[in-house]
C-alpha atoms as a PDB file:
ATOM      1  CA  UNK A   1      -1.891  31.069   8.343  1.00  0.00           C
ATOM      2  CA  UNK A   2       1.780  30.048   8.358  1.00  0.00           C
ATOM      3  CA  UNK A   3       0.949  26.880  10.341  1.00  0.00           C
ATOM      4  CA  UNK A   4      -1.718  25.979   7.790  1.00  0.00           C
ATOM      5  CA  UNK A   5       0.792  26.328   4.937  1.00  0.00           C
ATOM      6  CA  UNK A   6       3.310  24.182   6.803  1.00  0.00           C
ATOM      7  CA  UNK A   7       0.627  21.567   7.456  1.00  0.00           C
ATOM      8  CA  UNK A   8      -0.427  21.538   3.791  1.00  0.00           C
ATOM      9  CA  UNK A   9       3.220  21.247   2.740  1.00  0.00           C
ATOM     10  CA  UNK A  10       3.773  18.308   5.104  1.00  0.00           C
ATOM     11  CA  UNK A  11       0.621  16.587   3.797  1.00  0.00           C
ATOM     12  CA  UNK A  12       1.861  16.979   0.215  1.00  0.00           C
ATOM     13  CA  UNK A  13       5.261  15.577   1.165  1.00  0.00           C
ATOM     14  CA  UNK A  14       3.660  12.610   2.944  1.00  0.00           C
ATOM     15  CA  UNK A  15       1.418  11.933  -0.053  1.00  0.00           C
ATOM     16  CA  UNK A  16       4.400  12.119  -2.429  1.00  0.00           C
ATOM     17  CA  UNK A  17       6.372   9.666  -0.262  1.00  0.00           C
ATOM     18  CA  UNK A  18       3.392   7.288  -0.280  1.00  0.00           C
ATOM     19  CA  UNK A  19       3.032   7.619  -4.047  1.00  0.00           C
ATOM     20  CA  UNK A  20       6.737   6.887  -4.573  1.00  0.00           C
ATOM     21  CA  UNK A  21       6.550   3.830  -2.277  1.00  0.00           C
ATOM     22  CA  UNK A  22       3.488   2.529  -4.115  1.00  0.00           C
ATOM     23  CA  UNK A  23       5.022   2.992  -7.557  1.00  0.00           C
ATOM     24  CA  UNK A  24       8.166   1.189  -6.388  1.00  0.00           C
ATOM     25  CA  UNK A  25       6.013  -1.609  -4.937  1.00  0.00           C
ATOM     26  CA  UNK A  26       4.064  -2.008  -8.184  1.00  0.00           C
ATOM     27  CA  UNK A  27       7.160  -2.081 -10.381  1.00  0.00           C
ATOM     28  CA  UNK A  28       8.913  -4.556  -8.100  1.00  0.00           C
ATOM     29  CA  UNK A  29       5.855  -6.849  -7.887  1.00  0.00           C
ATOM     30  CA  UNK A  30       5.489  -6.835 -11.675  1.00  0.00           C
ATOM     31  CA  UNK A  31       9.015  -8.150 -12.111  1.00  0.00           C
ATOM     32  CA  UNK A  32       9.722  -5.553 -14.776  1.00  0.00           C
ATOM     33  CA  UNK A  33      13.151  -4.021 -14.884  1.00  0.00           C
ATOM     34  CA  UNK A  34      13.347  -0.248 -14.589  1.00  0.00           C
ATOM     35  CA  UNK A  35      14.377  -0.044 -18.227  1.00  0.00           C
ATOM     36  CA  UNK A  36      11.432  -2.137 -19.437  1.00  0.00           C
ATOM     37  CA  UNK A  37       8.973  -0.183 -17.297  1.00  0.00           C
ATOM     38  CA  UNK A  38      10.259   3.235 -18.377  1.00  0.00           C
ATOM     39  CA  UNK A  39      10.088   2.189 -22.044  1.00  0.00           C
ATOM     40  CA  UNK A  40       6.561   0.906 -21.521  1.00  0.00           C
ATOM     41  CA  UNK A  41       5.456   4.162 -19.894  1.00  0.00           C
ATOM     42  CA  UNK A  42       7.201   6.247 -22.544  1.00  0.00           C
ATOM     43  CA  UNK A  43       9.647   8.122 -20.392  1.00  0.00           C
ATOM     44  CA  UNK A  44      13.376   7.980 -19.909  1.00  0.00           C
ATOM     45  CA  UNK A  45      15.131   5.716 -17.466  1.00  0.00           C
ATOM     46  CA  UNK A  46      16.556   8.830 -15.808  1.00  0.00           C
ATOM     47  CA  UNK A  47      13.044  10.221 -15.253  1.00  0.00           C
ATOM     48  CA  UNK A  48      11.936   6.918 -13.713  1.00  0.00           C
ATOM     49  CA  UNK A  49      14.925   6.927 -11.382  1.00  0.00           C
ATOM     50  CA  UNK A  50      14.018  10.472 -10.270  1.00  0.00           C
ATOM     51  CA  UNK A  51      10.392   9.432  -9.733  1.00  0.00           C
ATOM     52  CA  UNK A  52      11.424   6.343  -7.752  1.00  0.00           C
ATOM     53  CA  UNK A  53      13.742   8.463  -5.612  1.00  0.00           C
ATOM     54  CA  UNK A  54      11.029  11.074  -5.006  1.00  0.00           C
ATOM     55  CA  UNK A  55      13.146  13.768  -6.674  1.00  0.00           C
ATOM     56  CA  UNK A  56      10.489  14.749  -9.199  1.00  0.00           C
ATOM     57  CA  UNK A  57       6.729  14.685  -9.246  1.00  0.00           C
ATOM     58  CA  UNK A  58       4.920  12.364 -11.570  1.00  0.00           C
ATOM     59  CA  UNK A  59       2.545  14.025 -14.019  1.00  0.00           C
ATOM     60  CA  UNK A  60      -1.125  13.100 -13.875  1.00  0.00           C
ATOM     61  CA  UNK A  61      -1.072  11.588 -17.383  1.00  0.00           C
ATOM     62  CA  UNK A  62       1.882   9.389 -16.377  1.00  0.00           C
ATOM     63  CA  UNK A  63       0.154   8.411 -13.143  1.00  0.00           C
ATOM     64  CA  UNK A  64      -2.964   7.462 -15.118  1.00  0.00           C
ATOM     65  CA  UNK A  65      -0.837   5.289 -17.428  1.00  0.00           C
ATOM     66  CA  UNK A  66       0.727   3.586 -14.389  1.00  0.00           C
ATOM     67  CA  UNK A  67      -2.745   3.046 -12.930  1.00  0.00           C
ATOM     68  CA  UNK A  68      -4.083   1.550 -16.161  1.00  0.00           C
ATOM     69  CA  UNK A  69      -1.118  -0.741 -16.718  1.00  0.00           C
ATOM     70  CA  UNK A  70      -1.187  -2.139 -13.185  1.00  0.00           C
ATOM     71  CA  UNK A  71      -5.006  -2.226 -13.077  1.00  0.00           C
ATOM     72  CA  UNK A  72      -4.946  -0.310  -9.796  1.00  0.00           C
ATOM     73  CA  UNK A  73      -7.077   2.797  -9.280  1.00  0.00           C
ATOM     74  CA  UNK A  74      -5.539   6.230  -8.858  1.00  0.00           C
ATOM     75  CA  UNK A  75      -7.162   6.401  -5.441  1.00  0.00           C
ATOM     76  CA  UNK A  76      -5.421   3.182  -4.360  1.00  0.00           C
ATOM     77  CA  UNK A  77      -2.041   4.407  -5.591  1.00  0.00           C
ATOM     78  CA  UNK A  78      -2.287   7.814  -3.936  1.00  0.00           C
ATOM     79  CA  UNK A  79      -4.388   7.336  -0.788  1.00  0.00           C
ATOM     80  CA  UNK A  80      -2.890   4.428   1.139  1.00  0.00           C
ATOM     81  CA  UNK A  81       0.068   2.077   1.223  1.00  0.00           C
ATOM     82  CA  UNK A  82      -0.511  -0.714  -1.273  1.00  0.00           C
ATOM     83  CA  UNK A  83      -0.584  -4.282  -0.121  1.00  0.00           C
ATOM     84  CA  UNK A  84      -0.381  -6.559  -3.140  1.00  0.00           C
ATOM     85  CA  UNK A  85      -1.359 -10.202  -3.147  1.00  0.00           C
ATOM     86  CA  UNK A  86       1.100 -12.946  -4.005  1.00  0.00           C
ATOM     87  CA  UNK A  87       1.079 -13.683  -7.712  1.00  0.00           C
ATOM     88  CA  UNK A  88       0.630 -10.049  -8.756  1.00  0.00           C
ATOM     89  CA  UNK A  89       2.777 -10.627 -11.859  1.00  0.00           C
ATOM     90  CA  UNK A  90       0.524 -13.509 -12.948  1.00  0.00           C
ATOM     91  CA  UNK A  91      -2.553 -11.339 -12.389  1.00  0.00           C
ATOM     92  CA  UNK A  92      -1.011  -8.712 -14.649  1.00  0.00           C
ATOM     93  CA  UNK A  93      -0.441 -11.381 -17.301  1.00  0.00           C
ATOM     94  CA  UNK A  94      -4.102 -12.400 -17.106  1.00  0.00           C
ATOM     95  CA  UNK A  95      -5.252  -8.774 -17.188  1.00  0.00           C
ATOM     96  CA  UNK A  96      -3.174  -8.030 -20.308  1.00  0.00           C
ATOM     97  CA  UNK A  97      -3.693 -11.425 -21.990  1.00  0.00           C
ATOM     98  CA  UNK A  98      -5.098  -9.847 -25.173  1.00  0.00           C
ATOM     99  CA  UNK A  99      -2.112  -7.536 -25.636  1.00  0.00           C
ATOM    100  CA  UNK A 100       0.661  -9.710 -27.093  1.00  0.00           C
ATOM    101  CA  UNK A 101       3.337  -7.020 -26.625  1.00  0.00           C
ATOM    102  CA  UNK A 102       2.625  -6.739 -22.896  1.00  0.00           C
ATOM    103  CA  UNK A 103       2.379 -10.501 -22.473  1.00  0.00           C
ATOM    104  CA  UNK A 104       5.818 -10.928 -24.059  1.00  0.00           C
ATOM    105  CA  UNK A 105       7.205  -8.198 -21.800  1.00  0.00           C
ATOM    106  CA  UNK A 106       5.707  -9.769 -18.664  1.00  0.00           C
ATOM    107  CA  UNK A 107       6.961 -13.231 -19.619  1.00  0.00           C
ATOM    108  CA  UNK A 108      10.562 -12.075 -19.990  1.00  0.00           C
ATOM    109  CA  UNK A 109      13.133 -12.746 -17.297  1.00  0.00           C
ATOM    110  CA  UNK A 110      12.033 -10.712 -14.275  1.00  0.00           C
ATOM    111  CA  UNK A 111      14.221  -8.286 -12.405  1.00  0.00           C
ATOM    112  CA  UNK A 112      16.717  -9.877 -10.036  1.00  0.00           C
ATOM    113  CA  UNK A 113      14.931  -8.244  -7.086  1.00  0.00           C
ATOM    114  CA  UNK A 114      11.667  -9.927  -8.103  1.00  0.00           C
ATOM    115  CA  UNK A 115      13.418 -13.284  -8.494  1.00  0.00           C
ATOM    116  CA  UNK A 116      15.000 -13.075  -5.062  1.00  0.00           C
ATOM    117  CA  UNK A 117      11.963 -11.746  -3.174  1.00  0.00           C
ATOM    118  CA  UNK A 118       9.265 -13.799  -4.876  1.00  0.00           C
ATOM    119  CA  UNK A 119      10.975 -17.082  -5.692  1.00  0.00           C
ATOM    120  CA  UNK A 120      14.293 -17.615  -3.937  1.00  0.00           C
ATOM    121  CA  UNK A 121      13.275 -16.343  -0.475  1.00  0.00           C
ATOM    122  CA  UNK A 122      10.117 -18.449  -0.479  1.00  0.00           C
ATOM    123  CA  UNK A 123      11.775 -21.716  -1.478  1.00  0.00           C
ATOM    124  CA  UNK A 124      13.068 -24.290   1.012  1.00  0.00           C
ATOM    125  CA  UNK A 125      16.317 -24.341  -0.990  1.00  0.00           C
ATOM    126  CA  UNK A 126      17.238 -21.022   0.613  1.00  0.00           C
ATOM    127  CA  UNK A 127      16.757 -22.171   4.221  1.00  0.00           C
ATOM    128  CA  UNK A 128      20.342 -23.424   4.268  1.00  0.00           C
ATOM    129  CA  UNK A 129      23.403 -21.361   3.431  1.00  0.00           C
ATOM    130  CA  UNK A 130      24.362 -21.421  -0.241  1.00  0.00           C
ATOM    131  CA  UNK A 131      26.975 -19.877  -2.502  1.00  0.00           C
ATOM    132  CA  UNK A 132      26.232 -17.553  -5.396  1.00  0.00           C
ATOM    133  CA  UNK A 133      26.892 -20.317  -7.941  1.00  0.00           C
ATOM    134  CA  UNK A 134      24.164 -22.429  -6.287  1.00  0.00           C
ATOM    135  CA  UNK A 135      21.719 -19.505  -6.369  1.00  0.00           C
ATOM    136  CA  UNK A 136      22.600 -18.933 -10.016  1.00  0.00           C
ATOM    137  CA  UNK A 137      21.903 -22.602 -10.801  1.00  0.00           C
ATOM    138  CA  UNK A 138      18.625 -22.497  -8.833  1.00  0.00           C
ATOM    139  CA  UNK A 139      17.378 -19.461 -10.785  1.00  0.00           C
ATOM    140  CA  UNK A 140      18.451 -21.079 -14.072  1.00  0.00           C
ATOM    141  CA  UNK A 141      15.851 -23.775 -13.382  1.00  0.00           C
ATOM    142  CA  UNK A 142      13.258 -21.038 -14.020  1.00  0.00           C
ATOM    143  CA  UNK A 143      15.034 -20.010 -17.212  1.00  0.00           C
ATOM    144  CA  UNK A 144      16.470 -16.903 -15.555  1.00  0.00           C
ATOM    145  CA  UNK A 145      20.132 -16.365 -16.373  1.00  0.00           C
ATOM    146  CA  UNK A 146      21.643 -13.749 -14.079  1.00  0.00           C
ATOM    147  CA  UNK A 147      25.331 -13.060 -13.702  1.00  0.00           C
ATOM    148  CA  UNK A 148      26.973 -13.948 -10.413  1.00  0.00           C
ATOM    149  CA  UNK A 149      27.819 -10.294  -9.828  1.00  0.00           C
ATOM    150  CA  UNK A 150      24.180  -9.218 -10.375  1.00  0.00           C
ATOM    151  CA  UNK A 151      22.998 -11.805  -7.855  1.00  0.00           C
ATOM    152  CA  UNK A 152      25.666 -10.776  -5.376  1.00  0.00           C
ATOM    153  CA  UNK A 153      24.797  -7.070  -5.697  1.00  0.00           C
ATOM    154  CA  UNK A 154      21.090  -7.808  -5.255  1.00  0.00           C
ATOM    155  CA  UNK A 155      21.811  -9.792  -2.108  1.00  0.00           C
ATOM    156  CA  UNK A 156      23.831  -6.919  -0.655  1.00  0.00           C
ATOM    157  CA  UNK A 157      20.889  -4.564  -1.210  1.00  0.00           C
ATOM    158  CA  UNK A 158      18.506  -6.706   0.846  1.00  0.00           C
ATOM    159  CA  UNK A 159      20.043  -6.861   4.338  1.00  0.00           C
ATOM    160  CA  UNK A 160      16.591  -7.125   5.910  1.00  0.00           C
ATOM    161  CA  UNK A 161      15.909 -10.376   4.002  1.00  0.00           C
ATOM    162  CA  UNK A 162      19.309 -11.918   3.311  1.00  0.00           C
ATOM    163  CA  UNK A 163      21.915 -13.145   5.757  1.00  0.00           C
ATOM    164  CA  UNK A 164      25.457 -12.904   4.368  1.00  0.00           C
ATOM    165  CA  UNK A 165      28.371 -14.640   6.068  1.00  0.00           C
ATOM    166  CA  UNK A 166      31.955 -15.466   5.130  1.00  0.00           C
ATOM    167  CA  UNK A 167      32.309 -18.965   3.711  1.00  0.00           C
ATOM    168  CA  UNK A 168      33.584 -21.268   6.478  1.00  0.00           C
ATOM    169  CA  UNK A 169      36.342 -22.778   4.314  1.00  0.00           C
ATOM    170  CA  UNK A 170      36.846 -20.565   1.221  1.00  0.00           C
ATOM    171  CA  UNK A 171      38.606 -17.236   1.638  1.00  0.00           C
ATOM    172  CA  UNK A 172      36.999 -14.292  -0.146  1.00  0.00           C
ATOM    173  CA  UNK A 173      33.733 -16.180  -0.658  1.00  0.00           C
ATOM    174  CA  UNK A 174      30.405 -15.619   1.048  1.00  0.00           C
ATOM    175  CA  UNK A 175      27.409 -17.800   1.750  1.00  0.00           C
ATOM    176  CA  UNK A 176      23.836 -16.577   1.730  1.00  0.00           C
ATOM    177  CA  UNK A 177      20.605 -17.590   3.416  1.00  0.00           C
ATOM    178  CA  UNK A 178      17.300 -16.003   4.277  1.00  0.00           C
ATOM    179  CA  UNK A 179      16.868 -14.315   7.618  1.00  0.00           C
END
């Protein structure tokens, strides 16, 4: 009996980890900031941070709202690791095209993580090493105005995607490229 309880507990933990990963994947692929997403779902930013960290369980009504917004079934969110197609943000725009409020939200400047992972990394511009000011200028071409410090912090949080090296001639400066 004790082994069965341990097994059930481990299954629940595994399912919660999967759910957290999938929610993080959906939010990131939408380009919404945590603040925008939490406001949209009607819960606090603190609650979203706890959900994303797996420190609290998400209520069924909240999970249903997430499912409806992203147009992904509850079964898909909870049963297996999500694999989203490129252009997920554009698909969301098409899905919500009749809801002006959501269209405006989805057309706003995306999160810096979205910009780096879905635009910068995929562009030939980022094959060579570049400074933050060049990345900032590149993203401005899309109408996305991020601060240099926000870009720098985002780069530091993506060591699996971004190569960071000291600038060959400028002390205290780094250059960035994709791995």
